Amino acid sequence: MTLPVMESDVSAQTLRRWAATVDEGPFSSLCWGERIAFANPDSLTLLGALSGWTERVRLVATVIVAQLHDPVLLAKALATADQFSSGRLTVGLGVGGRHEDYRAVGADPATQTRAVLAERAATLKAVWAGRRVTDAVEPVGPAPAQPGGPPLLVGATGEKTLRSAAGWADGLAGITLDLDREKQRALFEVAHSAWSAAGKDKPHLATSFWYALGEPDAARAQMHRHLRHYINWLPRSAVDELAPHTGFAGTDEDLAAVLRGFADIGTDEVYLIPTSDDITQLQRAAAVVADLAATG
């Protein structure tokens, strides 16, 4: 389950209540994404809070844009959070899709490449392994709780990015806009092939999609409102064209069927992305997931 961090004026109290509810179960992971030129909470500050707000659930920063951060400071922050959460952290890395975020922090958009992303991943791993990255008395610490550091997933929707990440990533943190399982299956096959060629074990395969639960018309209207707010870098007319075909909007039973379909193609995790901070949306999704777990 993803926290509603991209909703308007979401409060710390709301996020804490969501985190506690997710931590109670039955979800496997608690997720959130990163933007800079937007009113969402800072990802790393939120990670520190979540380390204290939760005890069980895995914490998944689905996409941190590594080029927006100093890599050594990022490694230190993530290792600290891994310690504070008792080794429950997973980190998704991606190049990001918005130049405004690069400009906001003074990062060079020319670094928005797969090669630079791989370099940043290598720096994270070097710091976590205790290797000195400069002439200093001691290496940069603390050491992460998980040996070698938190698992790294690549935020990707295309084959080239996925193949290029096979050397450093432990899996995929993807997204599907249209819930097309065959396209996801094909991308998963690329991942299996790339990881095998790199001499690595099976990759962790995760995808995500926006969801709204309710009667179809009302749920679709909720989805539309959220997308207009979130996808603010596109003209409103373009968002209005996308909205009727993006994400899941429907009943609890329909969501269960969609999740079964993704399980059938070998998806290890689906990161559900809410389109409202209404806690009942979380509670209904929790009931769907609990029923699925009970019935296998």
C-alpha atoms as a PDB file:
ATOM      1  CA  MET A   1       0.000   0.000   0.000  1.00  0.00           C
ATOM      2  CA  THR A   2       1.226   3.453  -0.941  1.00  0.00           C
ATOM      3  CA  LEU A   3       0.703   6.373   1.409  1.00  0.00           C
ATOM      4  CA  PRO A   4      -1.480   9.219   0.071  1.00  0.00           C
ATOM      5  CA  VAL A   5       1.489  11.599  -0.002  1.00  0.00           C
ATOM      6  CA  MET A   6       0.415  13.228  -3.266  1.00  0.00           C
ATOM      7  CA  GLU A   7      -2.998  14.321  -1.984  1.00  0.00           C
ATOM      8  CA  SER A   8      -3.676  18.012  -1.342  1.00  0.00           C
ATOM      9  CA  ASP A   9      -2.894  19.210   2.194  1.00  0.00           C
ATOM     10  CA  VAL A  10      -2.350  15.717   3.583  1.00  0.00           C
ATOM     11  CA  SER A  11      -1.481  15.990   7.283  1.00  0.00           C
ATOM     12  CA  ALA A  12       1.091  14.203   9.410  1.00  0.00           C
ATOM     13  CA  GLN A  13      -1.774  12.828  11.494  1.00  0.00           C
ATOM     14  CA  THR A  14      -3.387  11.291   8.424  1.00  0.00           C
ATOM     15  CA  LEU A  15      -0.132   9.744   7.253  1.00  0.00           C
ATOM     16  CA  ARG A  16       0.544   8.340  10.714  1.00  0.00           C
ATOM     17  CA  ARG A  17      -2.927   6.787  10.872  1.00  0.00           C
ATOM     18  CA  TRP A  18      -2.471   5.256   7.427  1.00  0.00           C
ATOM     19  CA  ALA A  19       0.974   3.922   8.391  1.00  0.00           C
ATOM     20  CA  ALA A  20      -0.369   2.327  11.587  1.00  0.00           C
ATOM     21  CA  THR A  21      -3.265   0.728   9.695  1.00  0.00           C
ATOM     22  CA  VAL A  22      -0.961  -0.663   7.016  1.00  0.00           C
ATOM     23  CA  ASP A  23       1.418  -1.952   9.686  1.00  0.00           C
ATOM     24  CA  GLU A  24      -1.427  -3.909  11.291  1.00  0.00           C
ATOM     25  CA  GLY A  25      -1.716  -5.948   8.098  1.00  0.00           C
ATOM     26  CA  PRO A  26      -2.267  -7.650   5.771  1.00  0.00           C
ATOM     27  CA  PHE A  27      -0.016  -5.635   3.468  1.00  0.00           C
ATOM     28  CA  SER A  28       3.555  -6.730   2.758  1.00  0.00           C
ATOM     29  CA  SER A  29       4.972  -3.253   2.124  1.00  0.00           C
ATOM     30  CA  LEU A  30       4.313   0.407   2.876  1.00  0.00           C
ATOM     31  CA  CYS A  31       5.327   2.620  -0.034  1.00  0.00           C
ATOM     32  CA  TRP A  32       5.699   6.242  -1.087  1.00  0.00           C
ATOM     33  CA  GLY A  33       7.189   8.152  -4.003  1.00  0.00           C
ATOM     34  CA  GLU A  34       9.297  11.258  -4.494  1.00  0.00           C
ATOM     35  CA  ARG A  35       8.684  14.622  -6.077  1.00  0.00           C
ATOM     36  CA  ILE A  36      10.435  17.922  -5.401  1.00  0.00           C
ATOM     37  CA  ALA A  37       8.423  20.675  -7.116  1.00  0.00           C
ATOM     38  CA  PHE A  38       5.206  19.558  -5.440  1.00  0.00           C
ATOM     39  CA  ALA A  39       3.630  19.799  -1.968  1.00  0.00           C
ATOM     40  CA  ASN A  40       4.326  16.188  -0.930  1.00  0.00           C
ATOM     41  CA  PRO A  41       6.459  15.420   2.162  1.00  0.00           C
ATOM     42  CA  ASP A  42      10.203  15.039   1.731  1.00  0.00           C
ATOM     43  CA  SER A  43      10.902  11.370   1.125  1.00  0.00           C
ATOM     44  CA  LEU A  44      13.813  10.944   3.511  1.00  0.00           C
ATOM     45  CA  THR A  45      12.182  12.873   6.353  1.00  0.00           C
ATOM     46  CA  LEU A  46       9.074  10.741   5.903  1.00  0.00           C
ATOM     47  CA  LEU A  47      11.220   7.603   5.944  1.00  0.00           C
ATOM     48  CA  GLY A  48      12.587   8.573   9.340  1.00  0.00           C
ATOM     49  CA  ALA A  49       9.070   9.067  10.673  1.00  0.00           C
ATOM     50  CA  LEU A  50       7.875   5.759   9.238  1.00  0.00           C
ATOM     51  CA  SER A  51      10.753   3.944  10.907  1.00  0.00           C
ATOM     52  CA  GLY A  52       9.245   5.004  14.228  1.00  0.00           C
ATOM     53  CA  TRP A  53       5.576   4.784  13.275  1.00  0.00           C
ATOM     54  CA  THR A  54       5.739   1.135  12.149  1.00  0.00           C
ATOM     55  CA  GLU A  55       7.187  -2.121  13.452  1.00  0.00           C
ATOM     56  CA  ARG A  56       6.293  -4.921  11.010  1.00  0.00           C
ATOM     57  CA  VAL A  57       5.714  -3.819   7.458  1.00  0.00           C
ATOM     58  CA  ARG A  58       8.510  -3.425   4.935  1.00  0.00           C
ATOM     59  CA  LEU A  59       9.233   0.194   3.982  1.00  0.00           C
ATOM     60  CA  VAL A  60       9.601   0.710   0.231  1.00  0.00           C
ATOM     61  CA  ALA A  61      10.692   4.055  -1.173  1.00  0.00           C
ATOM     62  CA  THR A  62       9.372   3.104  -4.583  1.00  0.00           C
ATOM     63  CA  VAL A  63      11.297   5.730  -6.525  1.00  0.00           C
ATOM     64  CA  ILE A  64      14.062   7.954  -5.220  1.00  0.00           C
ATOM     65  CA  VAL A  65      15.624   9.986  -8.019  1.00  0.00           C
ATOM     66  CA  ALA A  66      19.266   9.500  -7.099  1.00  0.00           C
ATOM     67  CA  GLN A  67      20.490  12.372  -9.280  1.00  0.00           C
ATOM     68  CA  LEU A  68      18.562  14.831  -7.088  1.00  0.00           C
ATOM     69  CA  HIS A  69      20.676  13.916  -4.047  1.00  0.00           C
ATOM     70  CA  ASP A  70      24.327  13.894  -3.091  1.00  0.00           C
ATOM     71  CA  PRO A  71      24.975  10.143  -3.327  1.00  0.00           C
ATOM     72  CA  VAL A  72      27.087   9.877  -0.169  1.00  0.00           C
ATOM     73  CA  LEU A  73      24.572  11.800   1.935  1.00  0.00           C
ATOM     74  CA  LEU A  74      21.810   9.680   0.419  1.00  0.00           C
ATOM     75  CA  ALA A  75      23.700   6.498   1.324  1.00  0.00           C
ATOM     76  CA  LYS A  76      24.150   7.726   4.890  1.00  0.00           C
ATOM     77  CA  ALA A  77      20.478   8.666   5.254  1.00  0.00           C
ATOM     78  CA  LEU A  78      19.255   5.345   3.889  1.00  0.00           C
ATOM     79  CA  ALA A  79      21.666   3.325   6.026  1.00  0.00           C
ATOM     80  CA  THR A  80      20.468   5.232   9.094  1.00  0.00           C
ATOM     81  CA  ALA A  81      16.847   4.496   8.213  1.00  0.00           C
ATOM     82  CA  ASP A  82      17.674   0.836   7.633  1.00  0.00           C
ATOM     83  CA  GLN A  83      19.119   0.700  11.148  1.00  0.00           C
ATOM     84  CA  PHE A  84      16.205   2.570  12.706  1.00  0.00           C
ATOM     85  CA  SER A  85      13.683   0.273  10.982  1.00  0.00           C
ATOM     86  CA  SER A  86      15.570  -2.896  11.972  1.00  0.00           C
ATOM     87  CA  GLY A  87      16.407  -3.771   8.377  1.00  0.00           C
ATOM     88  CA  ARG A  88      12.959  -3.251   6.819  1.00  0.00           C
ATOM     89  CA  LEU A  89      13.993  -0.861   4.032  1.00  0.00           C
ATOM     90  CA  THR A  90      13.841  -1.394   0.266  1.00  0.00           C
ATOM     91  CA  VAL A  91      14.865   1.406  -2.089  1.00  0.00           C
ATOM     92  CA  GLY A  92      13.646   2.023  -5.611  1.00  0.00           C
ATOM     93  CA  LEU A  93      15.928   4.145  -7.785  1.00  0.00           C
ATOM     94  CA  GLY A  94      14.918   5.888 -11.000  1.00  0.00           C
ATOM     95  CA  VAL A  95      15.946   8.746 -13.262  1.00  0.00           C
ATOM     96  CA  GLY A  96      12.666  10.602 -12.827  1.00  0.00           C
ATOM     97  CA  GLY A  97      10.434  12.071 -15.479  1.00  0.00           C
ATOM     98  CA  ARG A  98      10.315  15.787 -14.648  1.00  0.00           C
ATOM     99  CA  HIS A  99      13.069  18.299 -15.392  1.00  0.00           C
ATOM    100  CA  GLU A 100      11.410  20.744 -12.983  1.00  0.00           C
ATOM    101  CA  ASP A 101      12.560  18.566 -10.078  1.00  0.00           C
ATOM    102  CA  TYR A 102      16.131  18.646 -11.386  1.00  0.00           C
ATOM    103  CA  ARG A 103      16.041  22.424 -11.792  1.00  0.00           C
ATOM    104  CA  ALA A 104      14.515  22.909  -8.334  1.00  0.00           C
ATOM    105  CA  VAL A 105      17.564  21.397  -6.607  1.00  0.00           C
ATOM    106  CA  GLY A 106      20.160  22.655  -9.091  1.00  0.00           C
ATOM    107  CA  ALA A 107      20.782  19.215 -10.587  1.00  0.00           C
ATOM    108  CA  ASP A 108      21.866  18.947 -14.196  1.00  0.00           C
ATOM    109  CA  PRO A 109      19.113  17.420 -16.389  1.00  0.00           C
ATOM    110  CA  ALA A 110      21.935  16.011 -18.510  1.00  0.00           C
ATOM    111  CA  THR A 111      22.540  13.522 -15.687  1.00  0.00           C
ATOM    112  CA  GLN A 112      19.053  12.047 -16.221  1.00  0.00           C
ATOM    113  CA  THR A 113      20.568   8.923 -17.785  1.00  0.00           C
ATOM    114  CA  ARG A 114      20.755   5.214 -17.061  1.00  0.00           C
ATOM    115  CA  ALA A 115      24.561   5.397 -16.872  1.00  0.00           C
ATOM    116  CA  VAL A 116      24.565   8.058 -14.167  1.00  0.00           C
ATOM    117  CA  LEU A 117      21.890   6.139 -12.254  1.00  0.00           C
ATOM    118  CA  ALA A 118      24.160   3.083 -12.281  1.00  0.00           C
ATOM    119  CA  GLU A 119      27.030   5.219 -10.978  1.00  0.00           C
ATOM    120  CA  ARG A 120      24.876   6.499  -8.114  1.00  0.00           C
ATOM    121  CA  ALA A 121      23.811   2.952  -7.246  1.00  0.00           C
ATOM    122  CA  ALA A 122      27.470   1.921  -7.170  1.00  0.00           C
ATOM    123  CA  THR A 123      28.261   4.756  -4.764  1.00  0.00           C
ATOM    124  CA  LEU A 124      25.441   3.712  -2.438  1.00  0.00           C
ATOM    125  CA  LYS A 125      26.726   0.149  -2.378  1.00  0.00           C
ATOM    126  CA  ALA A 126      30.326   1.265  -1.820  1.00  0.00           C
ATOM    127  CA  VAL A 127      29.328   3.345   1.201  1.00  0.00           C
ATOM    128  CA  TRP A 128      27.179   0.537   2.597  1.00  0.00           C
ATOM    129  CA  ALA A 129      30.079  -1.905   2.171  1.00  0.00           C
ATOM    130  CA  GLY A 130      32.252   0.330   4.356  1.00  0.00           C
ATOM    131  CA  ARG A 131      34.592   1.404   1.581  1.00  0.00           C
ATOM    132  CA  ARG A 132      36.117   4.854   1.977  1.00  0.00           C
ATOM    133  CA  VAL A 133      34.880   7.305  -0.636  1.00  0.00           C
ATOM    134  CA  THR A 134      37.390   9.976   0.382  1.00  0.00           C
ATOM    135  CA  ASP A 135      40.564  10.394   2.445  1.00  0.00           C
ATOM    136  CA  ALA A 136      39.091  10.157   5.939  1.00  0.00           C
ATOM    137  CA  VAL A 137      39.884   8.521   9.261  1.00  0.00           C
ATOM    138  CA  GLU A 138      36.782   6.349   9.059  1.00  0.00           C
ATOM    139  CA  PRO A 139      34.375   5.392   6.267  1.00  0.00           C
ATOM    140  CA  VAL A 140      30.944   6.996   6.036  1.00  0.00           C
ATOM    141  CA  GLY A 141      28.571   5.282   8.447  1.00  0.00           C
ATOM    142  CA  PRO A 142      26.475   3.969   9.994  1.00  0.00           C
ATOM    143  CA  ALA A 143      26.444   0.508   8.525  1.00  0.00           C
ATOM    144  CA  PRO A 144      22.992  -0.572   7.338  1.00  0.00           C
ATOM    145  CA  ALA A 145      21.194  -3.297   9.258  1.00  0.00           C
ATOM    146  CA  GLN A 146      20.917  -5.451   6.142  1.00  0.00           C
ATOM    147  CA  PRO A 147      24.310  -6.824   5.018  1.00  0.00           C
ATOM    148  CA  GLY A 148      25.330  -4.982   1.876  1.00  0.00           C
ATOM    149  CA  GLY A 149      22.542  -2.471   2.353  1.00  0.00           C
ATOM    150  CA  PRO A 150      18.851  -2.314   1.508  1.00  0.00           C
ATOM    151  CA  PRO A 151      17.679  -4.137  -1.631  1.00  0.00           C
ATOM    152  CA  LEU A 152      17.633  -1.843  -4.667  1.00  0.00           C
ATOM    153  CA  LEU A 153      14.818  -1.901  -7.211  1.00  0.00           C
ATOM    154  CA  VAL A 154      14.867  -0.060 -10.510  1.00  0.00           C
ATOM    155  CA  GLY A 155      11.942   2.205 -11.293  1.00  0.00           C
ATOM    156  CA  ALA A 156      11.351   1.395 -14.941  1.00  0.00           C
ATOM    157  CA  THR A 157       8.662   0.981 -17.565  1.00  0.00           C
ATOM    158  CA  GLY A 158      10.885   0.195 -20.549  1.00  0.00           C
ATOM    159  CA  GLU A 159      13.142  -2.648 -21.613  1.00  0.00           C
ATOM    160  CA  LYS A 160      16.334  -0.594 -22.020  1.00  0.00           C
ATOM    161  CA  THR A 161      16.254   0.775 -18.484  1.00  0.00           C
ATOM    162  CA  LEU A 162      15.423  -2.645 -17.090  1.00  0.00           C
ATOM    163  CA  ARG A 163      18.238  -4.384 -18.963  1.00  0.00           C
ATOM    164  CA  SER A 164      20.755  -1.706 -17.992  1.00  0.00           C
ATOM    165  CA  ALA A 165      19.906  -2.126 -14.309  1.00  0.00           C
ATOM    166  CA  ALA A 166      20.385  -5.888 -14.146  1.00  0.00           C
ATOM    167  CA  GLY A 167      23.956  -5.440 -12.918  1.00  0.00           C
ATOM    168  CA  TRP A 168      23.033  -3.402  -9.850  1.00  0.00           C
ATOM    169  CA  ALA A 169      19.330  -3.890  -9.084  1.00  0.00           C
ATOM    170  CA  ASP A 170      17.599  -6.648  -7.147  1.00  0.00           C
ATOM    171  CA  GLY A 171      14.347  -6.252  -9.024  1.00  0.00           C
ATOM    172  CA  LEU A 172      11.784  -4.024 -10.659  1.00  0.00           C
ATOM    173  CA  ALA A 173       9.460  -1.374  -9.200  1.00  0.00           C
ATOM    174  CA  GLY A 174       7.248  -0.752 -12.194  1.00  0.00           C
ATOM    175  CA  ILE A 175       3.933   0.904 -12.900  1.00  0.00           C
ATOM    176  CA  THR A 176       1.061   0.124 -15.215  1.00  0.00           C
ATOM    177  CA  LEU A 177      -1.288   2.871 -16.326  1.00  0.00           C
ATOM    178  CA  ASP A 178      -3.765   0.699 -18.218  1.00  0.00           C
ATOM    179  CA  LEU A 179      -3.526  -2.570 -16.207  1.00  0.00           C
ATOM    180  CA  ASP A 180      -2.418  -4.438 -19.329  1.00  0.00           C
ATOM    181  CA  ARG A 181      -1.168  -7.735 -17.910  1.00  0.00           C
ATOM    182  CA  GLU A 182       0.317  -8.928 -21.170  1.00  0.00           C
ATOM    183  CA  LYS A 183       2.592  -5.894 -21.360  1.00  0.00           C
ATOM    184  CA  GLN A 184       3.624  -6.538 -17.763  1.00  0.00           C
ATOM    185  CA  ARG A 185       4.244 -10.204 -18.510  1.00  0.00           C
ATOM    186  CA  ALA A 186       6.502  -9.235 -21.425  1.00  0.00           C
ATOM    187  CA  LEU A 187       8.452  -6.810 -19.220  1.00  0.00           C
ATOM    188  CA  PHE A 188       8.836  -9.484 -16.553  1.00  0.00           C
ATOM    189  CA  GLU A 189      10.247 -11.859 -19.158  1.00  0.00           C
ATOM    190  CA  VAL A 190      12.807  -9.207 -20.088  1.00  0.00           C
ATOM    191  CA  ALA A 191      13.760  -8.951 -16.418  1.00  0.00           C
ATOM    192  CA  HIS A 192      14.191 -12.717 -16.068  1.00  0.00           C
ATOM    193  CA  SER A 193      16.366 -12.786 -19.179  1.00  0.00           C
ATOM    194  CA  ALA A 194      18.495  -9.812 -18.118  1.00  0.00           C
ATOM    195  CA  TRP A 195      19.048 -11.110 -14.589  1.00  0.00           C
ATOM    196  CA  SER A 196      19.975 -14.541 -15.922  1.00  0.00           C
ATOM    197  CA  ALA A 197      22.471 -13.005 -18.349  1.00  0.00           C
ATOM    198  CA  ALA A 198      23.990 -11.097 -15.420  1.00  0.00           C
ATOM    199  CA  GLY A 199      24.367 -14.365 -13.481  1.00  0.00           C
ATOM    200  CA  LYS A 200      21.881 -13.300 -10.835  1.00  0.00           C
ATOM    201  CA  ASP A 201      18.953 -14.945  -9.108  1.00  0.00           C
ATOM    202  CA  LYS A 202      15.333 -14.279  -9.991  1.00  0.00           C
ATOM    203  CA  PRO A 203      14.489 -10.559  -9.772  1.00  0.00           C
ATOM    204  CA  HIS A 204      11.820  -9.240  -7.445  1.00  0.00           C
ATOM    205  CA  LEU A 205       8.958  -8.201  -9.747  1.00  0.00           C
ATOM    206  CA  ALA A 206       6.659  -5.439  -8.558  1.00  0.00           C
ATOM    207  CA  THR A 207       4.234  -3.226 -10.394  1.00  0.00           C
ATOM    208  CA  SER A 208       1.849  -0.523  -9.226  1.00  0.00           C
ATOM    209  CA  PHE A 209      -1.325   1.230 -10.239  1.00  0.00           C
ATOM    210  CA  TRP A 210      -3.686   3.928  -9.013  1.00  0.00           C
ATOM    211  CA  TYR A 211      -6.906   2.661  -7.454  1.00  0.00           C
ATOM    212  CA  ALA A 212     -10.280   4.069  -6.390  1.00  0.00           C
ATOM    213  CA  LEU A 213     -12.898   1.870  -4.732  1.00  0.00           C
ATOM    214  CA  GLY A 214     -16.638   2.451  -5.001  1.00  0.00           C
ATOM    215  CA  GLU A 215     -19.427   2.377  -7.508  1.00  0.00           C
ATOM    216  CA  PRO A 216     -17.754   2.648 -10.921  1.00  0.00           C
ATOM    217  CA  ASP A 217     -18.875   6.178 -11.826  1.00  0.00           C
ATOM    218  CA  ALA A 218     -18.020   7.650  -8.426  1.00  0.00           C
ATOM    219  CA  ALA A 219     -14.712   5.791  -8.289  1.00  0.00           C
ATOM    220  CA  ARG A 220     -13.762   6.967 -11.767  1.00  0.00           C
ATOM    221  CA  ALA A 221     -14.597  10.569 -10.803  1.00  0.00           C
ATOM    222  CA  GLN A 222     -12.285  10.217  -7.779  1.00  0.00           C
ATOM    223  CA  MET A 223      -9.552   8.887 -10.025  1.00  0.00           C
ATOM    224  CA  HIS A 224     -10.024  11.775 -12.443  1.00  0.00           C
ATOM    225  CA  ARG A 225      -9.752  14.393  -9.681  1.00  0.00           C
ATOM    226  CA  HIS A 226      -6.573  12.824  -8.361  1.00  0.00           C
ATOM    227  CA  LEU A 227      -4.913  12.608 -11.755  1.00  0.00           C
ATOM    228  CA  ARG A 228      -5.720  16.241 -12.512  1.00  0.00           C
ATOM    229  CA  HIS A 229      -3.967  17.200  -9.279  1.00  0.00           C
ATOM    230  CA  TYR A 230      -0.997  14.841  -9.575  1.00  0.00           C
ATOM    231  CA  ILE A 231      -0.189  14.917 -13.307  1.00  0.00           C
ATOM    232  CA  ASN A 232       0.124  18.680 -13.304  1.00  0.00           C
ATOM    233  CA  TRP A 233       3.048  18.762 -15.731  1.00  0.00           C
ATOM    234  CA  LEU A 234       0.724  17.823 -18.604  1.00  0.00           C
ATOM    235  CA  PRO A 235      -1.998  20.061 -20.061  1.00  0.00           C
ATOM    236  CA  ARG A 236      -5.346  19.413 -18.409  1.00  0.00           C
ATOM    237  CA  SER A 237      -6.788  18.304 -21.747  1.00  0.00           C
ATOM    238  CA  ALA A 238      -4.161  15.550 -21.954  1.00  0.00           C
ATOM    239  CA  VAL A 239      -4.939  14.385 -18.415  1.00  0.00           C
ATOM    240  CA  ASP A 240      -8.657  14.370 -19.194  1.00  0.00           C
ATOM    241  CA  GLU A 241      -7.940  12.128 -22.159  1.00  0.00           C
ATOM    242  CA  LEU A 242      -5.893   9.726 -20.040  1.00  0.00           C
ATOM    243  CA  ALA A 243      -8.131   9.612 -16.985  1.00  0.00           C
ATOM    244  CA  PRO A 244     -10.942   7.332 -18.262  1.00  0.00           C
ATOM    245  CA  HIS A 245      -8.422   4.582 -19.066  1.00  0.00           C
ATOM    246  CA  THR A 246      -5.872   4.984 -16.252  1.00  0.00           C
ATOM    247  CA  GLY A 247      -5.702   2.917 -13.083  1.00  0.00           C
ATOM    248  CA  PHE A 248      -8.415   0.870 -11.416  1.00  0.00           C
ATOM    249  CA  ALA A 249     -11.815   2.323 -10.517  1.00  0.00           C
ATOM    250  CA  GLY A 250     -14.519  -0.069  -9.367  1.00  0.00           C
ATOM    251  CA  THR A 251     -15.793  -2.420  -6.715  1.00  0.00           C
ATOM    252  CA  ASP A 252     -13.919  -4.432  -4.131  1.00  0.00           C
ATOM    253  CA  GLU A 253     -14.736  -7.649  -6.002  1.00  0.00           C
ATOM    254  CA  ASP A 254     -13.351  -6.222  -9.232  1.00  0.00           C
ATOM    255  CA  LEU A 255     -10.119  -5.213  -7.489  1.00  0.00           C
ATOM    256  CA  ALA A 256      -9.717  -8.757  -6.166  1.00  0.00           C
ATOM    257  CA  ALA A 257     -10.042 -10.106  -9.710  1.00  0.00           C
ATOM    258  CA  VAL A 258      -7.416  -7.658 -11.000  1.00  0.00           C
ATOM    259  CA  LEU A 259      -4.973  -8.632  -8.258  1.00  0.00           C
ATOM    260  CA  ARG A 260      -5.490 -12.331  -8.998  1.00  0.00           C
ATOM    261  CA  GLY A 261      -4.717 -11.608 -12.632  1.00  0.00           C
ATOM    262  CA  PHE A 262      -1.419  -9.975 -11.773  1.00  0.00           C
ATOM    263  CA  ALA A 263      -0.524 -12.848  -9.456  1.00  0.00           C
ATOM    264  CA  ASP A 264      -1.135 -15.231 -12.351  1.00  0.00           C
ATOM    265  CA  ILE A 265       1.610 -13.598 -14.465  1.00  0.00           C
ATOM    266  CA  GLY A 266       4.210 -13.901 -11.690  1.00  0.00           C
ATOM    267  CA  THR A 267       3.948 -10.513  -9.996  1.00  0.00           C
ATOM    268  CA  ASP A 268       5.616 -10.669  -6.577  1.00  0.00           C
ATOM    269  CA  GLU A 269       4.013  -7.469  -5.296  1.00  0.00           C
ATOM    270  CA  VAL A 270       1.493  -4.895  -6.424  1.00  0.00           C
ATOM    271  CA  TYR A 271       1.950  -1.458  -4.898  1.00  0.00           C
ATOM    272  CA  LEU A 272      -1.545   0.012  -4.741  1.00  0.00           C
ATOM    273  CA  ILE A 273      -1.574   3.820  -5.118  1.00  0.00           C
ATOM    274  CA  PRO A 274      -4.557   5.541  -3.468  1.00  0.00           C
ATOM    275  CA  THR A 275      -6.379   8.440  -5.088  1.00  0.00           C
ATOM    276  CA  SER A 276      -7.792   9.773  -1.822  1.00  0.00           C
ATOM    277  CA  ASP A 277      -6.593  10.089   1.760  1.00  0.00           C
ATOM    278  CA  ASP A 278      -9.955   8.764   2.999  1.00  0.00           C
ATOM    279  CA  ILE A 279      -9.054   5.967   5.423  1.00  0.00           C
ATOM    280  CA  THR A 280     -12.019   3.885   4.248  1.00  0.00           C
ATOM    281  CA  GLN A 281     -10.257   3.449   0.887  1.00  0.00           C
ATOM    282  CA  LEU A 282      -7.358   1.855   2.778  1.00  0.00           C
ATOM    283  CA  GLN A 283      -9.623  -0.268   4.971  1.00  0.00           C
ATOM    284  CA  ARG A 284     -11.560  -1.608   1.980  1.00  0.00           C
ATOM    285  CA  ALA A 285      -8.349  -2.484   0.147  1.00  0.00           C
ATOM    286  CA  ALA A 286      -7.066  -4.209   3.278  1.00  0.00           C
ATOM    287  CA  ALA A 287     -10.174  -6.362   3.405  1.00  0.00           C
ATOM    288  CA  VAL A 288      -9.704  -7.325  -0.251  1.00  0.00           C
ATOM    289  CA  VAL A 289      -6.084  -8.322   0.337  1.00  0.00           C
ATOM    290  CA  ALA A 290      -6.930 -10.230   3.513  1.00  0.00           C
ATOM    291  CA  ASP A 291      -9.601 -12.224   1.686  1.00  0.00           C
ATOM    292  CA  LEU A 292      -7.172 -13.038  -1.113  1.00  0.00           C
ATOM    293  CA  ALA A 293      -4.565 -14.215   1.374  1.00  0.00           C
ATOM    294  CA  ALA A 294      -7.120 -16.387   3.161  1.00  0.00           C
ATOM    295  CA  THR A 295      -8.272 -18.042  -0.050  1.00  0.00           C
ATOM    296  CA  GLY A 296      -4.831 -18.435  -1.568  1.00  0.00           C
END
